[in-house]
Protein backbone atom coordinates (compact mmCIF):
# COMPACT_ATOMS: atom_id res chain seq x y z
CA MET A 1 10.94 -18.59 35.92
CA THR A 2 7.61 -17.73 36.40
CA ASP A 3 5.20 -15.22 34.27
CA PRO A 4 5.64 -11.79 35.50
CA LEU A 5 1.88 -10.64 35.21
CA GLY A 6 0.88 -14.21 36.90
CA ALA A 7 -1.05 -15.59 33.92
CA PRO A 8 0.72 -17.06 31.08
CA PRO A 9 -0.05 -14.60 27.76
CA ILE A 10 0.59 -17.92 25.82
CA PRO A 11 0.04 -21.50 26.51
CA ASN A 12 3.76 -22.46 27.75
CA TRP A 13 5.61 -19.36 29.02
CA ASN A 14 8.54 -21.96 29.57
CA ARG A 15 9.01 -22.36 25.80
CA VAL A 16 9.55 -18.38 25.64
CA VAL A 17 12.16 -18.55 28.05
CA ALA A 18 13.95 -21.76 26.59
CA ALA A 19 13.88 -20.08 22.96
CA ILE A 20 14.70 -16.83 24.43
CA PRO A 21 16.53 -16.50 28.02
CA ASP A 22 16.75 -13.03 28.24
CA PHE A 23 13.33 -12.24 26.82
CA LEU A 24 12.10 -10.14 29.75
CA ASP A 25 15.30 -8.21 29.87
CA ARG A 26 14.90 -7.25 26.26
CA LEU A 27 11.08 -6.65 26.70
CA LYS A 28 12.50 -4.43 29.75
CA ALA A 29 14.78 -2.97 27.41
CA ALA A 30 12.88 -1.82 25.02
CA VAL A 31 10.07 -0.59 27.41
CA ASP A 32 12.71 1.58 28.75
CA LEU A 33 14.11 2.92 25.00
CA ASP A 34 10.53 3.69 24.10
CA GLN A 35 9.75 5.64 27.22
CA SER A 36 13.07 7.63 26.92
CA MET A 37 11.69 8.55 23.23
CA SER A 38 8.46 9.65 24.36
CA GLU A 39 9.21 13.22 24.28
CA SER A 40 11.03 13.34 21.08
CA VAL A 41 8.64 12.30 19.40
CA PRO A 42 5.43 14.98 19.74
CA LEU A 43 1.95 14.36 18.65
CA GLN A 44 -0.02 16.42 16.53
CA PRO A 45 -2.59 18.45 18.08
CA ALA A 46 -5.23 16.16 16.19
CA VAL A 47 -3.96 12.79 17.83
CA LEU A 48 -3.77 14.73 21.01
CA ASP A 49 -7.56 15.53 20.40
CA ARG A 50 -8.86 12.01 19.38
CA VAL A 51 -7.08 10.64 22.40
CA ARG A 52 -8.67 12.78 24.89
CA ALA A 53 -12.06 11.79 23.00
CA ILE A 54 -11.69 8.28 23.56
CA GLY A 55 -10.75 8.77 27.09
CA SER A 56 -9.57 5.68 29.38
CA VAL A 57 -9.77 2.31 28.16
CA ASP A 58 -9.66 -0.97 29.19
CA LEU A 59 -7.95 -2.51 26.41
CA LEU A 60 -5.34 -1.22 24.07
CA ILE A 61 -4.66 -2.83 20.80
CA GLY A 62 -2.21 -1.43 18.63
CA ILE A 63 -1.14 -2.40 15.36
CA PRO A 64 1.93 -1.22 13.25
CA SER A 65 2.11 -1.18 9.66
CA TYR A 66 4.23 -0.31 7.12
CA ASN A 67 2.80 -0.87 3.29
CA ASN A 68 0.46 -3.81 4.86
CA ALA A 69 -2.33 -2.61 2.36
CA LYS A 70 -3.15 -6.08 1.42
CA SER A 71 -3.25 -7.71 4.70
CA ILE A 72 -4.37 -5.01 7.12
CA ALA A 73 -7.76 -4.92 6.77
CA HIS A 74 -7.89 -8.79 7.92
CA VAL A 75 -5.73 -7.98 11.12
CA VAL A 76 -8.24 -5.18 11.94
CA ARG A 77 -11.37 -6.96 11.67
CA ALA A 78 -9.55 -10.06 13.48
CA ALA A 79 -8.73 -7.39 16.51
CA VAL A 80 -12.35 -6.17 16.61
CA ALA A 81 -13.69 -9.45 16.15
CA GLY A 82 -11.23 -10.76 19.07
CA CYS A 83 -12.34 -7.76 21.60
CA ALA A 84 -16.24 -8.81 20.67
CA LYS A 85 -15.94 -12.25 20.87
CA TYR A 86 -13.38 -12.39 24.56
CA PHE A 87 -13.70 -9.16 25.71
CA PRO A 88 -17.57 -8.08 25.52
CA ASP A 89 -17.87 -5.87 29.00
CA ARG A 90 -14.40 -4.15 28.19
CA ARG A 91 -13.91 -0.59 26.40
CA ALA A 92 -11.28 -1.23 23.71
CA VAL A 93 -9.17 0.94 21.55
CA ILE A 94 -7.25 0.11 18.20
CA VAL A 95 -4.02 1.87 17.20
CA ASN A 96 -2.47 1.84 14.03
CA SER A 97 0.89 3.26 13.82
CA ASP A 98 1.87 3.64 10.58
CA GLY A 99 5.16 4.34 9.49
CA GLY A 100 5.15 6.06 6.61
CA SER A 101 3.12 3.67 4.01
CA SER A 102 2.83 4.04 0.56
CA ASP A 103 0.81 1.40 -0.49
CA GLY A 104 -2.55 2.96 1.18
CA THR A 105 -2.37 1.17 3.99
CA PRO A 106 -3.76 3.90 6.35
CA GLY A 107 -6.55 4.47 3.59
CA VAL A 108 -7.58 0.66 4.14
CA VAL A 109 -7.36 0.93 8.07
CA ALA A 110 -9.05 4.18 8.19
CA GLU A 111 -12.25 2.85 5.95
CA ALA A 112 -12.27 -0.73 8.45
CA ASP A 113 -15.52 -0.80 10.43
CA VAL A 114 -14.44 -0.25 13.61
CA SER A 115 -17.49 1.08 15.24
CA SER A 116 -17.81 -1.15 18.31
CA LEU A 117 -14.20 0.17 19.20
CA GLY A 118 -12.45 3.72 19.46
CA ALA A 119 -9.65 3.90 16.79
CA ILE A 120 -6.64 5.84 16.23
CA LEU A 121 -4.46 5.78 12.99
CA VAL A 122 -0.88 7.53 13.87
CA GLU A 123 0.89 7.89 10.70
CA HIS A 124 4.87 8.43 10.98
CA ARG A 125 6.17 10.81 8.35
CA LEU A 126 9.14 12.98 8.25
CA ASN A 127 9.24 12.31 11.96
CA ARG A 128 6.16 13.79 12.49
CA CYS A 129 2.70 12.19 13.70
CA THR A 130 -0.63 12.98 12.54
CA ALA A 131 -4.15 11.41 13.33
CA SER A 132 -7.08 10.61 11.21
């Protein structure tokens, strides 16, 4: 099987296929499910305003989290550093989708220095999405 994107995102695409033969089918099913749910999870006006303010981007980094306050700052810093090093001429944004952490994870992400990038923090609490 060849890489559907034209260039392998990992060094040896065949190893992924060998380990998970139906990987692309699973990925497509997950994307289809996600797209079917997009109408059922409305974004709060603050999230929509933030998305509009950022505008179009070349690179979007999604960081899901749930009670990761002790490690999330490192992940955000690594994403910012990776963008600066490998994609310096690209407009990038980090989206943190937090699943309702009770340990302060959203606050840690909100305090991270992403000044060189745009950032959106989305928290999921009681089936509602809010932004900061």
